[in-house]
Amino acid sequence: MSQSKKIRVLVAKPGLDGHDRGAKVIARALRDAGMEVIYTGLRQTPEQIVAAALQENVDVVALSSLSGAHLHLFPRVTALLKEKGLGDVLVIGGGIIPAEDIPVLKAAGVAAIFTPGTATAAIIEFIRANVKRT
C-alpha cells in the first residue's frame, strides 16, 4: 500500500445502542485528518460490521458502545474478523466502558479503548502509529 493511499476506517455502532453522536464526532475528526471513513449507522450486528469491513477493504474497525454490551459485542467482532481472514485489521473501541473491562477487551483483540474525554488527536495518532500497511 503506498503512503498516498488513505487509511480506511469503518466506524460502527454494534448492538441496540441508539446513541451515535460520539461516533459521528470521531468519524468527522478522522475524515478531517485525511482518512477515508465508512459509517455503518446504528444497531449493527457483529456479522454486519465484519461483512462491511470485508466489502470496504478497511484498515481499521472503530467500534462505539454506550449500551454496556461491549464485553459481548467487541470480542465477537474481533473473532469474526479473524475467521474471515481480516486478523490484521486494527480494531479500536470507544464509549462508556468501565476501566476494569479494558484488559478483557484488549485480551480479545481490541488494540485500544478510548473513553469519553479522549482528544480526537490522540485517536488519530494511535491509528496512524498502529495501522498495518502492506
C-alpha atoms as a PDB file:
ATOM      1  CA  MET A   1       0.000   0.000   0.000  1.00  0.00           C
ATOM      2  CA  SER A   2       1.505   3.303  -0.978  1.00  0.00           C
ATOM      3  CA  GLN A   3       1.804   6.112   1.532  1.00  0.00           C
ATOM      4  CA  SER A   4      -0.554   8.196  -0.601  1.00  0.00           C
ATOM      5  CA  LYS A   5      -3.393   5.713  -0.081  1.00  0.00           C
ATOM      6  CA  LYS A   6      -5.735   6.913   2.630  1.00  0.00           C
ATOM      7  CA  ILE A   7      -6.275   4.866   5.762  1.00  0.00           C
ATOM      8  CA  ARG A   8      -9.763   3.361   5.516  1.00  0.00           C
ATOM      9  CA  VAL A   9     -11.743   3.290   8.768  1.00  0.00           C
ATOM     10  CA  LEU A  10     -15.084   1.618   9.389  1.00  0.00           C
ATOM     11  CA  VAL A  11     -16.921   3.318  12.270  1.00  0.00           C
ATOM     12  CA  ALA A  12     -19.616   1.035  13.670  1.00  0.00           C
ATOM     13  CA  LYS A  13     -22.227   1.008  16.423  1.00  0.00           C
ATOM     14  CA  PRO A  14     -22.798  -2.632  17.374  1.00  0.00           C
ATOM     15  CA  GLY A  15     -25.865  -3.788  19.253  1.00  0.00           C
ATOM     16  CA  LEU A  16     -29.002  -1.967  20.287  1.00  0.00           C
ATOM     17  CA  ASP A  17     -27.304   1.272  21.307  1.00  0.00           C
ATOM     18  CA  GLY A  18     -29.280   4.152  19.812  1.00  0.00           C
ATOM     19  CA  HIS A  19     -26.807   6.957  20.506  1.00  0.00           C
ATOM     20  CA  ASP A  20     -24.318   7.864  17.801  1.00  0.00           C
ATOM     21  CA  ARG A  21     -23.218  11.424  18.477  1.00  0.00           C
ATOM     22  CA  GLY A  22     -19.742  10.336  19.679  1.00  0.00           C
ATOM     23  CA  ALA A  23     -19.296   8.001  16.717  1.00  0.00           C
ATOM     24  CA  LYS A  24     -20.197  10.817  14.336  1.00  0.00           C
ATOM     25  CA  VAL A  25     -17.735  13.182  16.050  1.00  0.00           C
ATOM     26  CA  ILE A  26     -14.969  10.578  15.677  1.00  0.00           C
ATOM     27  CA  ALA A  27     -15.924   9.867  12.053  1.00  0.00           C
ATOM     28  CA  ARG A  28     -15.747  13.585  11.244  1.00  0.00           C
ATOM     29  CA  ALA A  29     -12.378  14.011  13.017  1.00  0.00           C
ATOM     30  CA  LEU A  30     -10.883  11.046  11.155  1.00  0.00           C
ATOM     31  CA  ARG A  31     -12.195  12.404   7.843  1.00  0.00           C
ATOM     32  CA  ASP A  32     -10.759  15.830   8.654  1.00  0.00           C
ATOM     33  CA  ALA A  33      -7.411  14.095   9.341  1.00  0.00           C
ATOM     34  CA  GLY A  34      -7.406  12.731   5.792  1.00  0.00           C
ATOM     35  CA  MET A  35      -8.744   9.244   6.435  1.00  0.00           C
ATOM     36  CA  GLU A  36     -11.476   7.609   4.428  1.00  0.00           C
ATOM     37  CA  VAL A  37     -14.391   6.846   6.759  1.00  0.00           C
ATOM     38  CA  ILE A  38     -17.297   4.468   6.275  1.00  0.00           C
ATOM     39  CA  TYR A  39     -20.021   4.827   8.917  1.00  0.00           C
ATOM     40  CA  THR A  40     -22.367   1.850   9.186  1.00  0.00           C
ATOM     41  CA  GLY A  41     -25.079   3.543  11.222  1.00  0.00           C
ATOM     42  CA  LEU A  42     -26.891   2.344  14.324  1.00  0.00           C
ATOM     43  CA  ARG A  43     -27.829  -1.121  15.557  1.00  0.00           C
ATOM     44  CA  GLN A  44     -25.370  -3.231  13.579  1.00  0.00           C
ATOM     45  CA  THR A  45     -24.731  -6.887  14.344  1.00  0.00           C
ATOM     46  CA  PRO A  46     -21.125  -8.069  14.583  1.00  0.00           C
ATOM     47  CA  GLU A  47     -21.795 -10.052  11.397  1.00  0.00           C
ATOM     48  CA  GLN A  48     -22.943  -6.910   9.533  1.00  0.00           C
ATOM     49  CA  ILE A  49     -19.903  -4.980  10.761  1.00  0.00           C
ATOM     50  CA  VAL A  50     -17.451  -7.654   9.623  1.00  0.00           C
ATOM     51  CA  ALA A  51     -19.223  -8.039   6.259  1.00  0.00           C
ATOM     52  CA  ALA A  52     -18.885  -4.264   5.740  1.00  0.00           C
ATOM     53  CA  ALA A  53     -15.204  -4.366   6.788  1.00  0.00           C
ATOM     54  CA  LEU A  54     -14.555  -7.102   4.241  1.00  0.00           C
ATOM     55  CA  GLN A  55     -16.519  -5.389   1.471  1.00  0.00           C
ATOM     56  CA  GLU A  56     -14.921  -1.990   2.097  1.00  0.00           C
ATOM     57  CA  ASN A  57     -11.370  -3.378   2.494  1.00  0.00           C
ATOM     58  CA  VAL A  58     -10.755  -1.335   5.629  1.00  0.00           C
ATOM     59  CA  ASP A  59      -7.563  -0.914   7.643  1.00  0.00           C
ATOM     60  CA  VAL A  60      -9.366  -0.094  10.903  1.00  0.00           C
ATOM     61  CA  VAL A  61     -12.645  -1.005  12.582  1.00  0.00           C
ATOM     62  CA  ALA A  62     -13.659   1.563  15.208  1.00  0.00           C
ATOM     63  CA  LEU A  63     -16.432   0.312  17.488  1.00  0.00           C
ATOM     64  CA  SER A  64     -18.529   2.557  19.708  1.00  0.00           C
ATOM     65  CA  SER A  65     -20.700   1.343  22.566  1.00  0.00           C
ATOM     66  CA  LEU A  66     -22.705   3.117  25.217  1.00  0.00           C
ATOM     67  CA  SER A  67     -25.129   0.265  25.928  1.00  0.00           C
ATOM     68  CA  GLY A  68     -22.971  -1.913  28.168  1.00  0.00           C
ATOM     69  CA  ALA A  69     -22.867  -4.826  25.710  1.00  0.00           C
ATOM     70  CA  HIS A  70     -19.226  -4.212  24.722  1.00  0.00           C
ATOM     71  CA  LEU A  71     -17.922  -7.320  26.532  1.00  0.00           C
ATOM     72  CA  HIS A  72     -20.038  -9.466  24.237  1.00  0.00           C
ATOM     73  CA  LEU A  73     -20.049  -7.447  21.014  1.00  0.00           C
ATOM     74  CA  PHE A  74     -16.433  -6.269  20.666  1.00  0.00           C
ATOM     75  CA  PRO A  75     -14.874  -9.768  21.115  1.00  0.00           C
ATOM     76  CA  ARG A  76     -17.450 -11.177  18.662  1.00  0.00           C
ATOM     77  CA  VAL A  77     -16.321  -8.639  16.048  1.00  0.00           C
ATOM     78  CA  THR A  78     -12.615  -9.466  16.580  1.00  0.00           C
ATOM     79  CA  ALA A  79     -13.338 -13.218  16.378  1.00  0.00           C
ATOM     80  CA  LEU A  80     -15.331 -12.831  13.154  1.00  0.00           C
ATOM     81  CA  LEU A  81     -12.617 -10.639  11.608  1.00  0.00           C
ATOM     82  CA  LYS A  82     -10.047 -13.381  12.274  1.00  0.00           C
ATOM     83  CA  GLU A  83     -12.446 -16.011  10.920  1.00  0.00           C
ATOM     84  CA  LYS A  84     -12.805 -14.029   7.671  1.00  0.00           C
ATOM     85  CA  GLY A  85      -9.026 -13.568   7.274  1.00  0.00           C
ATOM     86  CA  LEU A  86      -9.053  -9.974   8.495  1.00  0.00           C
ATOM     87  CA  GLY A  87      -6.974 -10.530  11.618  1.00  0.00           C
ATOM     88  CA  ASP A  88      -4.580  -7.749  10.587  1.00  0.00           C
ATOM     89  CA  VAL A  89      -7.326  -5.102  10.710  1.00  0.00           C
ATOM     90  CA  LEU A  90      -6.755  -2.717  13.628  1.00  0.00           C
ATOM     91  CA  VAL A  91      -9.746  -2.787  15.993  1.00  0.00           C
ATOM     92  CA  ILE A  92     -10.307   0.080  18.410  1.00  0.00           C
ATOM     93  CA  GLY A  93     -13.223   0.841  20.668  1.00  0.00           C
ATOM     94  CA  GLY A  94     -14.768   3.708  22.499  1.00  0.00           C
ATOM     95  CA  GLY A  95     -17.705   4.796  24.553  1.00  0.00           C
ATOM     96  CA  ILE A  96     -18.849   4.229  28.098  1.00  0.00           C
ATOM     97  CA  ILE A  97     -16.546   1.362  29.021  1.00  0.00           C
ATOM     98  CA  PRO A  98     -15.543   0.714  32.637  1.00  0.00           C
ATOM     99  CA  ALA A  99     -11.793   0.627  33.298  1.00  0.00           C
ATOM    100  CA  GLU A 100     -11.995  -2.956  34.573  1.00  0.00           C
ATOM    101  CA  ASP A 101     -13.375  -4.118  31.199  1.00  0.00           C
ATOM    102  CA  ILE A 102     -10.496  -2.683  29.157  1.00  0.00           C
ATOM    103  CA  PRO A 103      -7.983  -5.522  29.840  1.00  0.00           C
ATOM    104  CA  VAL A 104     -10.664  -8.072  28.888  1.00  0.00           C
ATOM    105  CA  LEU A 105     -11.300  -6.288  25.597  1.00  0.00           C
ATOM    106  CA  LYS A 106      -7.576  -5.968  24.859  1.00  0.00           C
ATOM    107  CA  ALA A 107      -7.131  -9.700  25.511  1.00  0.00           C
ATOM    108  CA  ALA A 108      -9.905 -10.279  22.960  1.00  0.00           C
ATOM    109  CA  GLY A 109      -8.002  -8.364  20.282  1.00  0.00           C
ATOM    110  CA  VAL A 110      -9.164  -4.768  20.673  1.00  0.00           C
ATOM    111  CA  ALA A 111      -5.984  -2.698  20.312  1.00  0.00           C
ATOM    112  CA  ALA A 112      -7.165   0.320  22.318  1.00  0.00           C
ATOM    113  CA  ILE A 113     -10.189   1.700  24.128  1.00  0.00           C
ATOM    114  CA  PHE A 114     -10.876   5.434  24.092  1.00  0.00           C
ATOM    115  CA  THR A 115     -13.231   6.669  26.783  1.00  0.00           C
ATOM    116  CA  PRO A 116     -15.164   9.961  26.894  1.00  0.00           C
ATOM    117  CA  GLY A 117     -12.888  12.964  27.045  1.00  0.00           C
ATOM    118  CA  THR A 118     -10.131  11.432  24.915  1.00  0.00           C
ATOM    119  CA  ALA A 119      -8.820  14.019  22.464  1.00  0.00           C
ATOM    120  CA  THR A 120      -9.565  13.123  18.856  1.00  0.00           C
ATOM    121  CA  ALA A 121      -5.912  13.906  18.086  1.00  0.00           C
ATOM    122  CA  ALA A 122      -4.881  11.017  20.365  1.00  0.00           C
ATOM    123  CA  ILE A 123      -7.148   8.619  18.464  1.00  0.00           C
ATOM    124  CA  ILE A 124      -5.829   9.827  15.100  1.00  0.00           C
ATOM    125  CA  GLU A 125      -2.235   9.462  16.297  1.00  0.00           C
ATOM    126  CA  PHE A 126      -2.916   5.929  17.613  1.00  0.00           C
ATOM    127  CA  ILE A 127      -4.441   4.840  14.306  1.00  0.00           C
ATOM    128  CA  ARG A 128      -1.582   6.284  12.253  1.00  0.00           C
ATOM    129  CA  ALA A 129       1.018   4.614  14.507  1.00  0.00           C
ATOM    130  CA  ASN A 130      -0.674   1.200  14.630  1.00  0.00           C
ATOM    131  CA  VAL A 131      -2.421   0.539  11.322  1.00  0.00           C
ATOM    132  CA  LYS A 132      -0.790  -2.303   9.415  1.00  0.00           C
ATOM    133  CA  ARG A 133       0.056  -1.082   5.905  1.00  0.00           C
ATOM    134  CA  THR A 134       1.228  -3.560   3.279  1.00  0.00           C
END
